[in-house]
PDB file of N, CA and C in Angstrom:
ATOM      1  N   UNK A   1      12.399 145.530  80.408  1.00  0.00           N
ATOM      2  CA  UNK A   1      12.789 146.893  80.796  1.00  0.00           C
ATOM      3  C   UNK A   1      14.018 146.796  81.682  1.00  0.00           C
ATOM      4  N   UNK A   2      15.009 147.662  81.434  1.00  0.00           N
ATOM      5  CA  UNK A   2      16.218 147.633  82.257  1.00  0.00           C
ATOM      6  C   UNK A   2      15.904 147.954  83.712  1.00  0.00           C
ATOM      7  N   UNK A   3      16.748 147.504  84.597  1.00  0.00           N
ATOM      8  CA  UNK A   3      16.573 147.811  86.032  1.00  0.00           C
ATOM      9  C   UNK A   3      17.419 149.059  86.337  1.00  0.00           C
ATOM     10  N   UNK A   4      16.720 150.126  86.615  1.00  0.00           N
ATOM     11  CA  UNK A   4      17.385 151.390  86.917  1.00  0.00           C
ATOM     12  C   UNK A   4      17.729 151.473  88.395  1.00  0.00           C
ATOM     13  N   UNK A   5      18.895 152.003  88.685  1.00  0.00           N
ATOM     14  CA  UNK A   5      19.331 152.218  90.075  1.00  0.00           C
ATOM     15  C   UNK A   5      19.276 153.727  90.326  1.00  0.00           C
ATOM     16  N   UNK A   6      18.176 154.160  90.909  1.00  0.00           N
ATOM     17  CA  UNK A   6      17.927 155.580  91.108  1.00  0.00           C
ATOM     18  C   UNK A   6      18.667 156.089  92.355  1.00  0.00           C
ATOM     19  N   UNK A   7      19.136 157.325  92.242  1.00  0.00           N
ATOM     20  CA  UNK A   7      19.796 158.037  93.344  1.00  0.00           C
ATOM     21  C   UNK A   7      19.113 159.388  93.455  1.00  0.00           C
ATOM     22  N   UNK A   8      18.800 159.788  94.683  1.00  0.00           N
ATOM     23  CA  UNK A   8      18.135 161.082  94.896  1.00  0.00           C
ATOM     24  C   UNK A   8      19.129 162.207  94.595  1.00  0.00           C
ATOM     25  N   UNK A   9      18.638 163.199  93.933  1.00  0.00           N
ATOM     26  CA  UNK A   9      19.454 164.366  93.593  1.00  0.00           C
ATOM     27  C   UNK A   9      19.965 165.038  94.863  1.00  0.00           C
ATOM     28  N   UNK A  10      21.206 165.502  94.831  1.00  0.00           N
ATOM     29  CA  UNK A  10      21.780 166.206  95.976  1.00  0.00           C
ATOM     30  C   UNK A  10      21.105 167.560  96.177  1.00  0.00           C
ATOM     31  N   UNK A  11      20.352 168.023  95.172  1.00  0.00           N
ATOM     32  CA  UNK A  11      19.636 169.296  95.279  1.00  0.00           C
ATOM     33  C   UNK A  11      18.267 169.128  95.867  1.00  0.00           C
ATOM     34  N   UNK A  12      17.829 167.889  96.047  1.00  0.00           N
ATOM     35  CA  UNK A  12      16.505 167.637  96.659  1.00  0.00           C
ATOM     36  C   UNK A  12      16.595 167.846  98.157  1.00  0.00           C
ATOM     37  N   UNK A  13      15.530 168.372  98.725  1.00  0.00           N
ATOM     38  CA  UNK A  13      15.464 168.600 100.177  1.00  0.00           C
ATOM     39  C   UNK A  13      15.282 167.305 100.928  1.00  0.00           C
ATOM     40  N   UNK A  14      15.613 167.322 102.197  1.00  0.00           N
ATOM     41  CA  UNK A  14      15.481 166.143 103.036  1.00  0.00           C
ATOM     42  C   UNK A  14      14.140 166.016 103.711  1.00  0.00           C
ATOM     43  N   UNK A  15      13.299 167.030 103.626  1.00  0.00           N
ATOM     44  CA  UNK A  15      12.010 166.988 104.315  1.00  0.00           C
ATOM     45  C   UNK A  15      10.949 166.286 103.457  1.00  0.00           C
ATOM     46  N   UNK A  16      10.086 165.517 104.132  1.00  0.00           N
ATOM     47  CA  UNK A  16       9.007 164.827 103.428  1.00  0.00           C
ATOM     48  C   UNK A  16       8.104 165.835 102.745  1.00  0.00           C
ATOM     49  N   UNK A  17       7.620 165.497 101.588  1.00  0.00           N
ATOM     50  CA  UNK A  17       6.727 166.370 100.852  1.00  0.00           C
ATOM     51  C   UNK A  17       7.395 167.383  99.969  1.00  0.00           C
ATOM     52  N   UNK A  18       8.701 167.502 100.015  1.00  0.00           N
ATOM     53  CA  UNK A  18       9.400 168.438  99.147  1.00  0.00           C
ATOM     54  C   UNK A  18       9.565 167.880  97.761  1.00  0.00           C
ATOM     55  N   UNK A  19       9.858 168.759  96.830  1.00  0.00           N
ATOM     56  CA  UNK A  19      10.092 168.369  95.442  1.00  0.00           C
ATOM     57  C   UNK A  19      11.410 167.582  95.413  1.00  0.00           C
ATOM     58  N   UNK A  20      11.351 166.334  94.955  1.00  0.00           N
ATOM     59  CA  UNK A  20      12.538 165.496  94.896  1.00  0.00           C
ATOM     60  C   UNK A  20      12.645 164.763  93.580  1.00  0.00           C
ATOM     61  N   UNK A  21      13.819 164.730  93.051  1.00  0.00           N
ATOM     62  CA  UNK A  21      14.085 164.075  91.782  1.00  0.00           C
ATOM     63  C   UNK A  21      15.131 162.987  92.010  1.00  0.00           C
ATOM     64  N   UNK A  22      14.909 161.836  91.355  1.00  0.00           N
ATOM     65  CA  UNK A  22      15.882 160.783  91.377  1.00  0.00           C
ATOM     66  C   UNK A  22      16.354 160.532  89.973  1.00  0.00           C
ATOM     67  N   UNK A  23      17.642 160.213  89.843  1.00  0.00           N
ATOM     68  CA  UNK A  23      18.256 160.002  88.540  1.00  0.00           C
ATOM     69  C   UNK A  23      18.987 158.677  88.529  1.00  0.00           C
ATOM     70  N   UNK A  24      18.874 157.937  87.433  1.00  0.00           N
ATOM     71  CA  UNK A  24      19.587 156.685  87.274  1.00  0.00           C
ATOM     72  C   UNK A  24      20.513 156.798  86.058  1.00  0.00           C
ATOM     73  N   UNK A  25      21.794 156.489  86.270  1.00  0.00           N
ATOM     74  CA  UNK A  25      22.778 156.591  85.196  1.00  0.00           C
ATOM     75  C   UNK A  25      23.426 155.223  84.891  1.00  0.00           C
ATOM     76  N   UNK A  26      22.828 154.154  85.363  1.00  0.00           N
ATOM     77  CA  UNK A  26      23.459 152.839  85.256  1.00  0.00           C
ATOM     78  C   UNK A  26      23.125 152.078  83.978  1.00  0.00           C
ATOM     79  N   UNK A  27      22.312 152.610  83.087  1.00  0.00           N
ATOM     80  CA  UNK A  27      21.973 151.942  81.848  1.00  0.00           C
ATOM     81  C   UNK A  27      22.644 152.699  80.697  1.00  0.00           C
ATOM     82  N   UNK A  28      23.349 152.003  79.855  1.00  0.00           N
ATOM     83  CA  UNK A  28      24.118 152.620  78.766  1.00  0.00           C
ATOM     84  C   UNK A  28      23.220 153.481  77.877  1.00  0.00           C
ATOM     85  N   UNK A  29      23.721 154.647  77.513  1.00  0.00           N
ATOM     86  CA  UNK A  29      23.065 155.576  76.610  1.00  0.00           C
ATOM     87  C   UNK A  29      21.707 156.055  77.076  1.00  0.00           C
ATOM     88  N   UNK A  30      21.453 156.005  78.407  1.00  0.00           N
ATOM     89  CA  UNK A  30      20.147 156.403  78.936  1.00  0.00           C
ATOM     90  C   UNK A  30      20.337 157.105  80.282  1.00  0.00           C
ATOM     91  N   UNK A  31      19.587 158.183  80.464  1.00  0.00           N
ATOM     92  CA  UNK A  31      19.454 158.804  81.788  1.00  0.00           C
ATOM     93  C   UNK A  31      17.986 158.734  82.144  1.00  0.00           C
ATOM     94  N   UNK A  32      17.681 158.086  83.232  1.00  0.00           N
ATOM     95  CA  UNK A  32      16.295 157.920  83.680  1.00  0.00           C
ATOM     96  C   UNK A  32      16.042 158.891  84.840  1.00  0.00           C
ATOM     97  N   UNK A  33      14.914 159.568  84.800  1.00  0.00           N
ATOM     98  CA  UNK A  33      14.556 160.563  85.825  1.00  0.00           C
ATOM     99  C   UNK A  33      13.134 160.255  86.312  1.00  0.00           C
ATOM    100  N   UNK A  34      12.924 160.363  87.634  1.00  0.00           N
ATOM    101  CA  UNK A  34      11.595 160.163  88.164  1.00  0.00           C
ATOM    102  C   UNK A  34      11.387 161.029  89.410  1.00  0.00           C
ATOM    103  N   UNK A  35      10.159 161.136  89.830  1.00  0.00           N
ATOM    104  CA  UNK A  35       9.779 161.836  91.045  1.00  0.00           C
ATOM    105  C   UNK A  35       9.975 160.847  92.203  1.00  0.00           C
ATOM    106  N   UNK A  36      10.759 161.186  93.194  1.00  0.00           N
ATOM    107  CA  UNK A  36      11.030 160.244  94.286  1.00  0.00           C
ATOM    108  C   UNK A  36       9.803 159.922  95.115  1.00  0.00           C
ATOM    109  N   UNK A  37       8.814 160.805  95.098  1.00  0.00           N
ATOM    110  CA  UNK A  37       7.597 160.546  95.851  1.00  0.00           C
ATOM    111  C   UNK A  37       6.664 159.589  95.093  1.00  0.00           C
ATOM    112  N   UNK A  38       6.960 159.300  93.829  1.00  0.00           N
ATOM    113  CA  UNK A  38       6.151 158.450  92.970  1.00  0.00           C
ATOM    114  C   UNK A  38       7.042 157.361  92.355  1.00  0.00           C
ATOM    115  N   UNK A  39       7.689 156.575  93.204  1.00  0.00           N
ATOM    116  CA  UNK A  39       8.652 155.603  92.706  1.00  0.00           C
ATOM    117  C   UNK A  39       8.049 154.577  91.747  1.00  0.00           C
ATOM    118  N   UNK A  40       6.755 154.353  91.795  1.00  0.00           N
ATOM    119  CA  UNK A  40       6.118 153.450  90.880  1.00  0.00           C
ATOM    120  C   UNK A  40       5.504 154.176  89.689  1.00  0.00           C
ATOM    121  N   UNK A  41       5.688 155.470  89.647  1.00  0.00           N
ATOM    122  CA  UNK A  41       5.108 156.300  88.584  1.00  0.00           C
ATOM    123  C   UNK A  41       5.944 156.311  87.328  1.00  0.00           C
ATOM    124  N   UNK A  42       5.672 157.269  86.462  1.00  0.00           N
ATOM    125  CA  UNK A  42       6.369 157.339  85.174  1.00  0.00           C
ATOM    126  C   UNK A  42       7.849 157.676  85.329  1.00  0.00           C
ATOM    127  N   UNK A  43       8.600 157.201  84.354  1.00  0.00           N
ATOM    128  CA  UNK A  43      10.059 157.463  84.301  1.00  0.00           C
ATOM    129  C   UNK A  43      10.340 158.176  82.984  1.00  0.00           C
ATOM    130  N   UNK A  44      11.030 159.284  83.060  1.00  0.00           N
ATOM    131  CA  UNK A  44      11.433 160.027  81.882  1.00  0.00           C
ATOM    132  C   UNK A  44      12.794 159.511  81.437  1.00  0.00           C
ATOM    133  N   UNK A  45      12.893 159.051  80.183  1.00  0.00           N
ATOM    134  CA  UNK A  45      14.154 158.550  79.648  1.00  0.00           C
ATOM    135  C   UNK A  45      14.753 159.559  78.687  1.00  0.00           C
ATOM    136  N   UNK A  46      16.002 159.905  78.932  1.00  0.00           N
ATOM    137  CA  UNK A  46      16.675 160.926  78.131  1.00  0.00           C
ATOM    138  C   UNK A  46      17.975 160.379  77.563  1.00  0.00           C
ATOM    139  N   UNK A  47      18.381 160.932  76.443  1.00  0.00           N
ATOM    140  CA  UNK A  47      19.726 160.658  75.917  1.00  0.00           C
ATOM    141  C   UNK A  47      20.703 161.460  76.804  1.00  0.00           C
ATOM    142  N   UNK A  48      21.895 160.934  77.017  1.00  0.00           N
ATOM    143  CA  UNK A  48      22.871 161.676  77.838  1.00  0.00           C
ATOM    144  C   UNK A  48      23.120 163.112  77.337  1.00  0.00           C
ATOM    145  N   UNK A  49      23.091 163.343  76.036  1.00  0.00           N
ATOM    146  CA  UNK A  49      23.318 164.700  75.515  1.00  0.00           C
ATOM    147  C   UNK A  49      22.182 165.620  75.927  1.00  0.00           C
ATOM    148  N   UNK A  50      20.955 165.100  75.964  1.00  0.00           N
ATOM    149  CA  UNK A  50      19.825 165.920  76.405  1.00  0.00           C
ATOM    150  C   UNK A  50      19.926 166.238  77.896  1.00  0.00           C
ATOM    151  N   UNK A  51      20.361 165.256  78.690  1.00  0.00           N
ATOM    152  CA  UNK A  51      20.542 165.458  80.133  1.00  0.00           C
ATOM    153  C   UNK A  51      21.645 166.515  80.365  1.00  0.00           C
ATOM    154  N   UNK A  52      22.749 166.424  79.630  1.00  0.00           N
ATOM    155  CA  UNK A  52      23.832 167.395  79.755  1.00  0.00           C
ATOM    156  C   UNK A  52      23.337 168.809  79.415  1.00  0.00           C
ATOM    157  N   UNK A  53      22.560 168.929  78.330  1.00  0.00           N
ATOM    158  CA  UNK A  53      22.029 170.224  77.937  1.00  0.00           C
ATOM    159  C   UNK A  53      21.080 170.778  78.999  1.00  0.00           C
ATOM    160  N   UNK A  54      20.263 169.918  79.595  1.00  0.00           N
ATOM    161  CA  UNK A  54      19.357 170.325  80.669  1.00  0.00           C
ATOM    162  C   UNK A  54      20.131 170.893  81.835  1.00  0.00           C
ATOM    163  N   UNK A  55      21.187 170.153  82.278  1.00  0.00           N
ATOM    164  CA  UNK A  55      21.984 170.622  83.410  1.00  0.00           C
ATOM    165  C   UNK A  55      22.717 171.913  83.071  1.00  0.00           C
ATOM    166  N   UNK A  56      23.192 172.034  81.853  1.00  0.00           N
ATOM    167  CA  UNK A  56      23.879 173.263  81.443  1.00  0.00           C
ATOM    168  C   UNK A  56      22.910 174.455  81.490  1.00  0.00           C
ATOM    169  N   UNK A  57      21.683 174.225  81.065  1.00  0.00           N
ATOM    170  CA  UNK A  57      20.667 175.264  81.108  1.00  0.00           C
ATOM    171  C   UNK A  57      20.430 175.763  82.523  1.00  0.00           C
ATOM    172  N   UNK A  58      20.492 174.812  83.467  1.00  0.00           N
ATOM    173  CA  UNK A  58      20.286 175.176  84.868  1.00  0.00           C
ATOM    174  C   UNK A  58      21.530 175.813  85.487  1.00  0.00           C
ATOM    175  N   UNK A  59      22.622 175.824  84.753  1.00  0.00           N
ATOM    176  CA  UNK A  59      23.853 176.420  85.261  1.00  0.00           C
ATOM    177  C   UNK A  59      24.690 175.500  86.099  1.00  0.00           C
ATOM    178  N   UNK A  60      24.465 174.186  85.956  1.00  0.00           N
ATOM    179  CA  UNK A  60      25.231 173.193  86.706  1.00  0.00           C
ATOM    180  C   UNK A  60      26.060 172.373  85.722  1.00  0.00           C
ATOM    181  N   UNK A  61      27.183 171.965  86.201  1.00  0.00           N
ATOM    182  CA  UNK A  61      28.035 171.127  85.376  1.00  0.00           C
ATOM    183  C   UNK A  61      27.588 169.669  85.459  1.00  0.00           C
ATOM    184  N   UNK A  62      27.659 168.900  84.331  1.00  0.00           N
ATOM    185  CA  UNK A  62      27.270 167.495  84.366  1.00  0.00           C
ATOM    186  C   UNK A  62      28.123 166.672  85.305  1.00  0.00           C
TER     187      UNK A  62
END
């Protein structure tokens, strides 16, 4: 399994217990997403086009 380098979303709050998402963009043709409070938990793997569509749906630019 590739080693993902996760970065916390700038939209995540800084307080403990808040909803936080981490994203890894360091593996070719893959966007990995996980819950920052569950770093050993499941990782959602997306194609970059799916990630772009998700962000566009939220009204944010990739």
